[in-house]
């Protein structure tokens, strides 16, 4: 080990099986006495690390520093509020709040994967109903399952959608519910 703080002094720290004195460098003993916080930080970060395998070292450093910052904020949050929230739940809560505050509105492409995802801008932007796309072969509107009805396990199809959110919605109750309630 290299250290500019410690000398090359060897300290007796016990006896070996042969009866000889066991000796360790001072820097090792000092490190072992004070390493508890580092190990706990590594343990807490290991379960929620955002670092991924990459060739570029600076990405690893950036994401590690981001993880450390979130851990520090989590500790401060627990001290200030007294709420004992797990780190993973805290991260999810933090991410949701950041997305709700800074997300720019972008219309989503229509697909079955996107239906039902929570988009914070659906509650504040202006929304207007429109018809879903026409089926070119049959020359009539294609009916799709309403997002709100689907969430409540009701099978109801509609030919209307929100033009901005690009999600199918029943025109009467569901359209208003989707755009005014956070948990529709």
N, C-alpha and C. Protein backbone atom coordinates (compact mmCIF):
# COMPACT_ATOMS: atom_id res chain seq x y z
N UNK A 1 0.85 -1.18 0.00
CA UNK A 1 0.00 0.00 0.00
C UNK A 1 0.89 1.24 0.00
N UNK A 2 0.44 2.25 -0.67
CA UNK A 2 1.16 3.52 -0.69
C UNK A 2 0.37 4.53 0.14
N UNK A 3 1.07 5.26 0.98
CA UNK A 3 0.42 6.27 1.81
C UNK A 3 1.39 7.40 2.07
N UNK A 4 0.91 8.62 1.96
CA UNK A 4 1.75 9.78 2.29
C UNK A 4 1.50 10.24 3.72
N UNK A 5 0.51 9.66 4.39
CA UNK A 5 0.15 10.05 5.75
C UNK A 5 0.91 9.20 6.77
N UNK A 6 1.03 7.92 6.50
CA UNK A 6 1.59 6.97 7.47
C UNK A 6 3.09 6.77 7.26
N UNK A 7 3.71 6.30 8.34
CA UNK A 7 5.12 5.91 8.25
C UNK A 7 5.19 4.43 7.91
N UNK A 8 6.39 3.88 7.82
CA UNK A 8 6.56 2.46 7.50
C UNK A 8 6.57 1.60 8.76
N UNK A 9 6.00 2.10 9.82
CA UNK A 9 6.00 1.42 11.10
C UNK A 9 5.14 0.16 11.07
N UNK A 10 5.66 -0.92 11.70
CA UNK A 10 4.92 -2.18 11.83
C UNK A 10 4.43 -2.31 13.27
N UNK A 11 3.15 -2.64 13.44
CA UNK A 11 2.52 -2.70 14.76
C UNK A 11 2.20 -4.15 15.10
N UNK A 12 2.46 -4.55 16.35
CA UNK A 12 2.12 -5.89 16.82
C UNK A 12 0.62 -5.93 17.06
N UNK A 13 -0.05 -6.93 16.48
CA UNK A 13 -1.51 -7.01 16.61
C UNK A 13 -1.98 -8.38 17.08
N UNK A 14 -1.11 -9.19 17.64
CA UNK A 14 -1.52 -10.50 18.14
C UNK A 14 -0.42 -11.52 17.94
N UNK A 15 -0.74 -12.78 18.18
CA UNK A 15 0.23 -13.87 18.07
C UNK A 15 -0.22 -14.85 16.99
N UNK A 16 0.72 -15.46 16.33
CA UNK A 16 0.44 -16.50 15.34
C UNK A 16 0.37 -17.85 16.05
N UNK A 17 0.10 -18.92 15.31
CA UNK A 17 0.03 -20.27 15.89
C UNK A 17 1.39 -20.75 16.39
N UNK A 18 2.49 -20.26 15.80
CA UNK A 18 3.83 -20.68 16.21
C UNK A 18 4.32 -19.87 17.41
N UNK A 19 3.52 -18.93 17.93
CA UNK A 19 3.90 -18.14 19.08
C UNK A 19 4.63 -16.86 18.74
N UNK A 20 4.82 -16.59 17.47
CA UNK A 20 5.49 -15.36 17.05
C UNK A 20 4.50 -14.20 17.08
N UNK A 21 5.04 -13.00 17.18
CA UNK A 21 4.19 -11.80 17.14
C UNK A 21 3.70 -11.57 15.72
N UNK A 22 2.39 -11.28 15.60
CA UNK A 22 1.81 -10.95 14.29
C UNK A 22 1.93 -9.44 14.12
N UNK A 23 2.50 -9.01 13.00
CA UNK A 23 2.74 -7.58 12.79
C UNK A 23 2.08 -7.14 11.48
N UNK A 24 1.52 -5.94 11.53
CA UNK A 24 0.89 -5.34 10.35
C UNK A 24 1.36 -3.91 10.21
N UNK A 25 1.40 -3.41 8.96
CA UNK A 25 1.77 -1.99 8.77
C UNK A 25 0.71 -1.08 9.39
N UNK A 26 1.13 0.08 9.85
CA UNK A 26 0.24 1.06 10.48
C UNK A 26 -0.88 1.49 9.53
N UNK A 27 -0.57 1.65 8.24
CA UNK A 27 -1.59 2.10 7.28
C UNK A 27 -2.71 1.06 7.14
N UNK A 28 -2.38 -0.24 7.23
CA UNK A 28 -3.40 -1.29 7.14
C UNK A 28 -4.30 -1.25 8.37
N UNK A 29 -3.73 -1.13 9.54
CA UNK A 29 -4.53 -1.07 10.76
C UNK A 29 -5.44 0.16 10.77
N UNK A 30 -4.91 1.29 10.33
CA UNK A 30 -5.72 2.51 10.28
C UNK A 30 -6.86 2.36 9.29
N UNK A 31 -6.58 1.76 8.13
CA UNK A 31 -7.63 1.53 7.13
C UNK A 31 -8.72 0.62 7.69
N UNK A 32 -8.34 -0.49 8.32
CA UNK A 32 -9.31 -1.44 8.86
C UNK A 32 -10.18 -0.83 9.96
N UNK A 33 -9.62 0.10 10.73
CA UNK A 33 -10.39 0.77 11.78
C UNK A 33 -11.46 1.69 11.20
N UNK A 34 -11.21 2.30 10.06
CA UNK A 34 -12.09 3.36 9.54
C UNK A 34 -12.84 2.99 8.26
N UNK A 35 -12.80 1.75 7.83
CA UNK A 35 -13.40 1.40 6.54
C UNK A 35 -14.89 1.06 6.62
N UNK A 36 -15.52 1.09 7.76
CA UNK A 36 -16.91 0.68 7.90
C UNK A 36 -17.88 1.44 7.02
N UNK A 37 -17.74 2.76 6.93
CA UNK A 37 -18.67 3.57 6.14
C UNK A 37 -18.54 3.27 4.65
N UNK A 38 -17.33 3.00 4.19
CA UNK A 38 -17.11 2.70 2.77
C UNK A 38 -17.79 1.39 2.41
N UNK A 39 -17.62 0.37 3.26
CA UNK A 39 -18.25 -0.92 2.99
C UNK A 39 -19.77 -0.82 2.99
N UNK A 40 -20.32 -0.04 3.90
CA UNK A 40 -21.79 0.10 3.96
C UNK A 40 -22.30 0.82 2.71
N UNK A 41 -21.57 1.83 2.25
CA UNK A 41 -21.96 2.54 1.03
C UNK A 41 -21.95 1.59 -0.16
N UNK A 42 -20.88 0.81 -0.29
CA UNK A 42 -20.79 -0.16 -1.39
C UNK A 42 -21.92 -1.18 -1.31
N UNK A 43 -22.25 -1.62 -0.09
CA UNK A 43 -23.32 -2.61 0.09
C UNK A 43 -24.67 -2.01 -0.34
N UNK A 44 -24.94 -0.78 0.07
CA UNK A 44 -26.22 -0.15 -0.29
C UNK A 44 -26.32 0.09 -1.79
N UNK A 45 -25.22 0.51 -2.41
CA UNK A 45 -25.24 0.80 -3.84
C UNK A 45 -25.29 -0.47 -4.70
N UNK A 46 -24.80 -1.57 -4.19
CA UNK A 46 -24.72 -2.78 -5.02
C UNK A 46 -26.09 -3.28 -5.47
N UNK A 47 -27.12 -3.04 -4.68
CA UNK A 47 -28.45 -3.55 -5.05
C UNK A 47 -29.18 -2.63 -6.02
N UNK A 48 -28.78 -1.36 -6.11
CA UNK A 48 -29.51 -0.42 -6.98
C UNK A 48 -28.60 0.31 -7.95
N UNK A 49 -27.45 -0.26 -8.26
CA UNK A 49 -26.50 0.41 -9.13
C UNK A 49 -27.04 0.61 -10.54
N UNK A 50 -26.77 1.78 -11.12
CA UNK A 50 -27.19 2.04 -12.49
C UNK A 50 -26.04 1.88 -13.47
N UNK A 51 -24.87 1.49 -13.01
CA UNK A 51 -23.70 1.29 -13.89
C UNK A 51 -23.93 0.04 -14.73
N UNK A 52 -23.67 0.17 -16.00
CA UNK A 52 -23.79 -0.96 -16.93
C UNK A 52 -22.44 -1.20 -17.60
N UNK A 53 -22.30 -2.36 -18.19
CA UNK A 53 -21.04 -2.71 -18.85
C UNK A 53 -20.81 -1.79 -20.04
N UNK A 54 -19.69 -1.13 -20.05
CA UNK A 54 -19.36 -0.22 -21.13
C UNK A 54 -17.85 -0.14 -21.29
N UNK A 55 -17.41 0.21 -22.47
CA UNK A 55 -15.99 0.37 -22.74
C UNK A 55 -15.52 1.74 -22.26
N UNK A 56 -16.39 2.71 -22.28
CA UNK A 56 -16.01 4.08 -21.93
C UNK A 56 -16.01 4.25 -20.41
N UNK A 57 -14.85 4.45 -19.84
CA UNK A 57 -14.69 4.53 -18.39
C UNK A 57 -15.44 5.72 -17.79
N UNK A 58 -15.52 6.83 -18.53
CA UNK A 58 -16.14 8.03 -17.98
C UNK A 58 -17.64 7.84 -17.75
N UNK A 59 -18.28 6.94 -18.52
CA UNK A 59 -19.69 6.65 -18.26
C UNK A 59 -19.86 5.93 -16.92
N UNK A 60 -18.97 5.00 -16.64
CA UNK A 60 -19.02 4.29 -15.36
C UNK A 60 -18.82 5.26 -14.21
N UNK A 61 -17.86 6.17 -14.34
CA UNK A 61 -17.60 7.16 -13.29
C UNK A 61 -18.82 8.05 -13.10
N UNK A 62 -19.39 8.52 -14.22
CA UNK A 62 -20.56 9.40 -14.13
C UNK A 62 -21.71 8.71 -13.39
N UNK A 63 -22.06 7.49 -13.80
CA UNK A 63 -23.19 6.80 -13.17
C UNK A 63 -22.89 6.42 -11.73
N UNK A 64 -21.64 6.12 -11.42
CA UNK A 64 -21.29 5.84 -10.02
C UNK A 64 -21.46 7.10 -9.17
N UNK A 65 -21.01 8.25 -9.68
CA UNK A 65 -21.18 9.51 -8.96
C UNK A 65 -22.66 9.85 -8.81
N UNK A 66 -23.46 9.55 -9.83
CA UNK A 66 -24.90 9.78 -9.74
C UNK A 66 -25.52 8.89 -8.67
N UNK A 67 -25.12 7.62 -8.62
CA UNK A 67 -25.61 6.71 -7.59
C UNK A 67 -25.22 7.20 -6.20
N UNK A 68 -23.98 7.65 -6.04
CA UNK A 68 -23.53 8.18 -4.74
C UNK A 68 -24.34 9.41 -4.34
N UNK A 69 -24.64 10.28 -5.31
CA UNK A 69 -25.43 11.47 -5.02
C UNK A 69 -26.83 11.09 -4.55
N UNK A 70 -27.44 10.13 -5.23
CA UNK A 70 -28.78 9.69 -4.84
C UNK A 70 -28.75 9.06 -3.45
N UNK A 71 -27.72 8.29 -3.15
CA UNK A 71 -27.59 7.70 -1.82
C UNK A 71 -27.45 8.78 -0.75
N UNK A 72 -26.65 9.80 -1.03
CA UNK A 72 -26.49 10.91 -0.07
C UNK A 72 -27.81 11.64 0.14
N UNK A 73 -28.54 11.89 -0.94
CA UNK A 73 -29.84 12.55 -0.82
C UNK A 73 -30.80 11.68 -0.02
N UNK A 74 -30.74 10.37 -0.23
CA UNK A 74 -31.60 9.43 0.51
C UNK A 74 -31.32 9.51 2.01
N UNK A 75 -30.04 9.55 2.38
CA UNK A 75 -29.67 9.64 3.80
C UNK A 75 -30.17 10.96 4.40
N UNK A 76 -29.98 12.06 3.67
CA UNK A 76 -30.44 13.37 4.15
C UNK A 76 -31.96 13.39 4.27
N UNK A 77 -32.65 12.81 3.29
CA UNK A 77 -34.12 12.74 3.31
C UNK A 77 -34.60 11.98 4.54
N UNK A 78 -33.96 10.85 4.84
CA UNK A 78 -34.34 10.06 6.01
C UNK A 78 -34.09 10.83 7.30
N UNK A 79 -32.99 11.59 7.36
CA UNK A 79 -32.69 12.37 8.56
C UNK A 79 -33.69 13.51 8.75
N UNK A 80 -34.05 14.19 7.68
CA UNK A 80 -34.94 15.35 7.77
C UNK A 80 -36.39 14.97 8.02
N UNK A 81 -36.87 13.91 7.34
CA UNK A 81 -38.29 13.55 7.45
C UNK A 81 -38.56 12.49 8.50
N UNK A 82 -37.56 11.71 8.86
CA UNK A 82 -37.77 10.62 9.80
C UNK A 82 -38.45 9.42 9.17
N UNK A 83 -38.72 9.50 7.88
CA UNK A 83 -39.37 8.40 7.15
C UNK A 83 -38.32 7.38 6.75
N UNK A 84 -38.56 6.11 7.06
CA UNK A 84 -37.59 5.06 6.75
C UNK A 84 -38.00 4.36 5.45
N UNK A 85 -37.72 4.99 4.32
CA UNK A 85 -38.08 4.47 3.00
C UNK A 85 -36.87 3.75 2.41
N UNK A 86 -37.05 2.56 1.83
CA UNK A 86 -35.93 1.85 1.20
C UNK A 86 -35.34 2.65 0.03
N UNK A 87 -34.07 2.43 -0.24
CA UNK A 87 -33.37 3.19 -1.28
C UNK A 87 -34.02 3.01 -2.65
N UNK A 88 -34.43 1.79 -2.99
CA UNK A 88 -35.04 1.55 -4.31
C UNK A 88 -36.34 2.34 -4.47
N UNK A 89 -37.20 2.32 -3.46
CA UNK A 89 -38.45 3.08 -3.52
C UNK A 89 -38.16 4.58 -3.60
N UNK A 90 -37.13 5.03 -2.88
CA UNK A 90 -36.75 6.45 -2.94
C UNK A 90 -36.31 6.83 -4.34
N UNK A 91 -35.51 5.96 -4.99
CA UNK A 91 -35.05 6.23 -6.35
C UNK A 91 -36.24 6.33 -7.31
N UNK A 92 -37.18 5.41 -7.20
CA UNK A 92 -38.35 5.43 -8.09
C UNK A 92 -39.18 6.69 -7.86
N UNK A 93 -39.36 7.06 -6.61
CA UNK A 93 -40.11 8.28 -6.28
C UNK A 93 -39.41 9.51 -6.85
N UNK A 94 -38.08 9.56 -6.70
CA UNK A 94 -37.29 10.67 -7.21
C UNK A 94 -37.39 10.77 -8.73
N UNK A 95 -37.29 9.65 -9.42
CA UNK A 95 -37.37 9.63 -10.88
C UNK A 95 -38.74 10.10 -11.35
N UNK A 96 -39.81 9.63 -10.70
CA UNK A 96 -41.16 10.06 -11.08
C UNK A 96 -41.34 11.56 -10.92
N UNK A 97 -40.83 12.11 -9.81
CA UNK A 97 -40.96 13.56 -9.59
C UNK A 97 -40.17 14.36 -10.61
N UNK A 98 -38.98 13.88 -10.98
CA UNK A 98 -38.18 14.59 -11.99
C UNK A 98 -38.88 14.54 -13.34
N UNK A 99 -39.42 13.38 -13.70
CA UNK A 99 -40.11 13.25 -14.99
C UNK A 99 -41.35 14.13 -15.02
N UNK A 100 -42.12 14.15 -13.95
CA UNK A 100 -43.33 14.97 -13.91
C UNK A 100 -42.99 16.45 -14.04
N UNK A 101 -41.88 16.87 -13.45
CA UNK A 101 -41.54 18.29 -13.47
C UNK A 101 -40.93 18.73 -14.80
N UNK A 102 -40.08 17.89 -15.42
CA UNK A 102 -39.31 18.33 -16.57
C UNK A 102 -39.66 17.66 -17.90
N UNK A 103 -40.64 16.78 -17.94
CA UNK A 103 -40.95 16.09 -19.19
C UNK A 103 -41.56 17.05 -20.20
N UNK A 104 -41.06 17.01 -21.39
CA UNK A 104 -41.64 17.76 -22.50
C UNK A 104 -42.71 16.90 -23.14
N UNK A 105 -43.78 17.52 -23.62
CA UNK A 105 -44.87 16.76 -24.22
C UNK A 105 -44.47 16.28 -25.60
N UNK A 106 -44.58 14.97 -25.83
CA UNK A 106 -44.35 14.38 -27.14
C UNK A 106 -45.46 13.39 -27.39
N UNK A 107 -46.14 13.48 -28.52
CA UNK A 107 -47.16 12.47 -28.80
C UNK A 107 -46.52 11.10 -28.94
N UNK A 108 -47.19 10.09 -28.40
CA UNK A 108 -46.67 8.73 -28.47
C UNK A 108 -47.22 8.01 -29.68
N UNK A 109 -46.40 7.13 -30.21
CA UNK A 109 -46.85 6.29 -31.31
C UNK A 109 -47.84 5.28 -30.75
N UNK A 110 -48.83 4.97 -31.51
CA UNK A 110 -49.85 4.04 -31.04
C UNK A 110 -49.33 2.61 -31.15
N UNK A 111 -49.30 1.93 -30.00
CA UNK A 111 -48.96 0.52 -30.00
C UNK A 111 -49.50 -0.08 -28.72
N UNK A 112 -49.65 -1.36 -28.69
CA UNK A 112 -50.22 -2.00 -27.51
C UNK A 112 -49.27 -1.89 -26.31
N UNK A 113 -47.96 -1.71 -26.54
CA UNK A 113 -47.01 -1.59 -25.44
C UNK A 113 -47.21 -0.27 -24.70
N UNK A 114 -47.53 0.80 -25.41
CA UNK A 114 -47.64 2.12 -24.81
C UNK A 114 -48.95 2.35 -24.07
N UNK A 115 -49.95 1.60 -24.35
CA UNK A 115 -51.27 1.86 -23.80
C UNK A 115 -51.25 1.70 -22.29
N UNK A 116 -51.79 2.71 -21.60
CA UNK A 116 -51.92 2.63 -20.17
C UNK A 116 -50.76 3.17 -19.37
N UNK A 117 -49.66 3.59 -20.02
CA UNK A 117 -48.54 4.15 -19.27
C UNK A 117 -48.93 5.53 -18.76
N UNK A 118 -48.43 5.86 -17.59
CA UNK A 118 -48.77 7.13 -16.97
C UNK A 118 -47.92 8.25 -17.57
N UNK A 119 -48.55 9.20 -18.25
CA UNK A 119 -47.87 10.35 -18.82
C UNK A 119 -48.34 11.59 -18.05
N UNK A 120 -47.45 12.25 -17.29
CA UNK A 120 -47.86 13.39 -16.48
C UNK A 120 -48.47 14.53 -17.28
N UNK A 121 -48.08 14.71 -18.53
CA UNK A 121 -48.59 15.82 -19.33
C UNK A 121 -50.05 15.61 -19.74
N UNK A 122 -50.56 14.41 -19.58
CA UNK A 122 -51.96 14.17 -19.95
C UNK A 122 -52.91 14.94 -19.05
N UNK A 123 -52.42 15.39 -17.87
CA UNK A 123 -53.27 16.10 -16.93
C UNK A 123 -53.27 17.61 -17.12
N UNK A 124 -52.28 18.15 -17.83
CA UNK A 124 -52.17 19.61 -17.92
C UNK A 124 -52.31 20.18 -19.33
N UNK A 125 -51.96 19.44 -20.35
CA UNK A 125 -52.01 19.96 -21.72
C UNK A 125 -53.45 19.99 -22.23
N UNK A 126 -53.66 20.65 -23.36
CA UNK A 126 -54.99 20.68 -23.97
C UNK A 126 -55.16 19.45 -24.85
N UNK A 127 -56.30 18.79 -24.71
CA UNK A 127 -56.54 17.54 -25.42
C UNK A 127 -57.88 17.60 -26.16
N UNK A 128 -57.89 17.03 -27.35
CA UNK A 128 -59.09 17.02 -28.16
C UNK A 128 -59.33 15.63 -28.72
N UNK A 129 -60.58 15.18 -28.74
CA UNK A 129 -60.87 13.86 -29.31
C UNK A 129 -60.79 13.87 -30.82
N UNK A 130 -60.41 12.74 -31.38
CA UNK A 130 -60.42 12.57 -32.83
C UNK A 130 -60.72 11.11 -33.12
N UNK A 131 -60.98 10.81 -34.38
CA UNK A 131 -61.24 9.42 -34.77
C UNK A 131 -59.92 8.67 -34.94
N UNK A 132 -59.95 7.38 -34.67
CA UNK A 132 -58.78 6.54 -34.93
C UNK A 132 -58.62 6.39 -36.44
N UNK A 133 -57.50 5.81 -36.85
CA UNK A 133 -57.20 5.68 -38.28
C UNK A 133 -58.21 4.77 -38.98
N UNK A 134 -58.35 5.00 -40.27
CA UNK A 134 -59.23 4.15 -41.08
C UNK A 134 -58.48 2.92 -41.55
N UNK A 135 -59.19 1.84 -41.66
CA UNK A 135 -58.65 0.63 -42.24
C UNK A 135 -58.76 0.78 -43.75
N UNK A 136 -57.63 0.80 -44.43
CA UNK A 136 -57.61 1.04 -45.87
C UNK A 136 -58.36 -0.04 -46.66
N UNK A 137 -58.25 -1.28 -46.22
CA UNK A 137 -58.88 -2.38 -46.96
C UNK A 137 -60.40 -2.34 -46.83
N UNK A 138 -60.89 -2.07 -45.63
CA UNK A 138 -62.34 -2.10 -45.40
C UNK A 138 -62.98 -0.73 -45.50
N UNK A 139 -62.16 0.34 -45.57
CA UNK A 139 -62.61 1.71 -45.70
C UNK A 139 -63.56 2.11 -44.55
N UNK A 140 -63.22 1.67 -43.33
CA UNK A 140 -63.99 2.10 -42.17
C UNK A 140 -63.02 2.24 -40.99
N UNK A 141 -63.49 2.92 -39.92
CA UNK A 141 -62.65 3.17 -38.75
C UNK A 141 -62.33 1.87 -38.02
N UNK A 142 -61.10 1.76 -37.56
CA UNK A 142 -60.70 0.58 -36.79
C UNK A 142 -61.01 0.83 -35.32
N UNK A 143 -61.76 -0.05 -34.70
CA UNK A 143 -62.09 0.09 -33.28
C UNK A 143 -60.92 -0.45 -32.45
N UNK A 144 -60.60 0.25 -31.38
CA UNK A 144 -59.52 -0.18 -30.48
C UNK A 144 -60.05 -0.17 -29.05
N UNK A 145 -59.38 -0.92 -28.17
CA UNK A 145 -59.81 -1.01 -26.77
C UNK A 145 -59.47 0.27 -26.02
N UNK A 146 -60.44 0.77 -25.26
CA UNK A 146 -60.27 1.98 -24.45
C UNK A 146 -59.26 1.71 -23.34
N UNK A 147 -58.33 2.67 -23.12
CA UNK A 147 -57.28 2.53 -22.12
C UNK A 147 -57.86 2.47 -20.71
N UNK A 148 -58.81 3.34 -20.42
CA UNK A 148 -59.40 3.40 -19.07
C UNK A 148 -60.21 2.14 -18.81
N UNK A 149 -61.03 1.73 -19.75
CA UNK A 149 -61.83 0.51 -19.59
C UNK A 149 -60.91 -0.71 -19.42
N UNK A 150 -59.83 -0.76 -20.18
CA UNK A 150 -58.89 -1.89 -20.11
C UNK A 150 -58.28 -1.97 -18.72
N UNK A 151 -57.96 -0.81 -18.13
CA UNK A 151 -57.35 -0.80 -16.80
C UNK A 151 -58.33 -1.36 -15.76
N UNK A 152 -59.62 -1.15 -15.98
CA UNK A 152 -60.64 -1.66 -15.06
C UNK A 152 -61.18 -3.02 -15.50
N UNK A 153 -60.45 -3.66 -16.41
CA UNK A 153 -60.78 -5.00 -16.92
C UNK A 153 -62.17 -5.07 -17.56
N UNK A 154 -62.52 -4.00 -18.27
CA UNK A 154 -63.77 -3.96 -19.04
C UNK A 154 -63.37 -4.00 -20.51
N UNK A 155 -63.96 -4.89 -21.25
CA UNK A 155 -63.63 -4.99 -22.67
C UNK A 155 -64.60 -4.11 -23.45
N UNK A 156 -64.14 -2.92 -23.82
CA UNK A 156 -64.97 -1.98 -24.57
C UNK A 156 -64.12 -1.35 -25.66
N UNK A 157 -64.61 -1.38 -26.87
CA UNK A 157 -63.87 -0.82 -28.00
C UNK A 157 -64.46 0.53 -28.39
N UNK A 158 -63.60 1.39 -28.93
CA UNK A 158 -64.02 2.73 -29.32
C UNK A 158 -63.34 3.12 -30.63
N UNK A 159 -63.96 4.05 -31.33
CA UNK A 159 -63.37 4.57 -32.57
C UNK A 159 -62.80 5.96 -32.34
N UNK A 160 -62.71 6.40 -31.08
CA UNK A 160 -62.17 7.71 -30.74
C UNK A 160 -60.84 7.55 -30.00
N UNK A 161 -60.03 8.61 -30.09
CA UNK A 161 -58.76 8.65 -29.39
C UNK A 161 -58.45 10.09 -29.03
N UNK A 162 -57.47 10.29 -28.14
CA UNK A 162 -56.99 11.63 -27.85
C UNK A 162 -55.92 11.93 -28.90
N UNK A 163 -56.06 13.02 -29.61
CA UNK A 163 -55.14 13.35 -30.69
C UNK A 163 -53.72 13.62 -30.17
N UNK A 164 -53.60 14.24 -28.97
CA UNK A 164 -52.28 14.58 -28.43
C UNK A 164 -51.60 13.36 -27.80
N UNK A 165 -52.34 12.57 -27.01
CA UNK A 165 -51.76 11.41 -26.31
C UNK A 165 -51.67 10.19 -27.21
N UNK A 166 -52.49 10.15 -28.24
CA UNK A 166 -52.54 9.04 -29.18
C UNK A 166 -52.91 7.72 -28.49
N UNK A 167 -53.91 7.78 -27.60
CA UNK A 167 -54.42 6.59 -26.93
C UNK A 167 -55.93 6.51 -27.16
N UNK A 168 -56.45 5.31 -27.40
CA UNK A 168 -57.89 5.17 -27.61
C UNK A 168 -58.66 5.38 -26.30
N UNK A 169 -59.75 6.16 -26.37
CA UNK A 169 -60.57 6.46 -25.20
C UNK A 169 -62.04 6.53 -25.59
N UNK A 170 -62.91 6.05 -24.68
CA UNK A 170 -64.34 6.24 -24.87
C UNK A 170 -64.61 7.74 -24.79
N UNK A 171 -65.49 8.23 -25.63
CA UNK A 171 -65.67 9.67 -25.77
C UNK A 171 -66.38 10.31 -24.57
N UNK A 172 -67.26 9.59 -23.90
CA UNK A 172 -68.03 10.22 -22.83
C UNK A 172 -67.30 10.27 -21.50
N UNK A 173 -67.26 9.21 -20.75
CA UNK A 173 -66.70 9.25 -19.40
C UNK A 173 -65.18 9.09 -19.38
N UNK A 174 -64.67 8.21 -20.16
CA UNK A 174 -63.24 7.86 -20.08
C UNK A 174 -62.32 8.99 -20.52
N UNK A 175 -62.70 9.76 -21.53
CA UNK A 175 -61.86 10.84 -22.04
C UNK A 175 -61.60 11.86 -20.93
N UNK A 176 -62.66 12.26 -20.24
CA UNK A 176 -62.53 13.23 -19.14
C UNK A 176 -61.76 12.63 -17.97
N UNK A 177 -62.07 11.40 -17.62
CA UNK A 177 -61.42 10.74 -16.48
C UNK A 177 -59.90 10.61 -16.71
N UNK A 178 -59.51 10.23 -17.93
CA UNK A 178 -58.10 10.03 -18.27
C UNK A 178 -57.31 11.34 -18.16
N UNK A 179 -57.92 12.46 -18.51
CA UNK A 179 -57.22 13.74 -18.54
C UNK A 179 -57.38 14.59 -17.28
N UNK A 180 -58.16 14.13 -16.30
CA UNK A 180 -58.34 14.92 -15.09
C UNK A 180 -57.90 14.20 -13.83
N UNK A 181 -57.81 12.87 -13.84
CA UNK A 181 -57.46 12.13 -12.64
C UNK A 181 -56.10 11.45 -12.81
N UNK A 182 -55.26 11.57 -11.77
CA UNK A 182 -53.93 10.96 -11.84
C UNK A 182 -54.05 9.43 -11.85
N UNK A 183 -54.95 8.90 -11.00
CA UNK A 183 -55.20 7.47 -10.99
C UNK A 183 -56.60 7.24 -11.52
N UNK A 184 -56.70 7.08 -12.81
CA UNK A 184 -57.98 6.89 -13.44
C UNK A 184 -58.40 5.46 -13.29
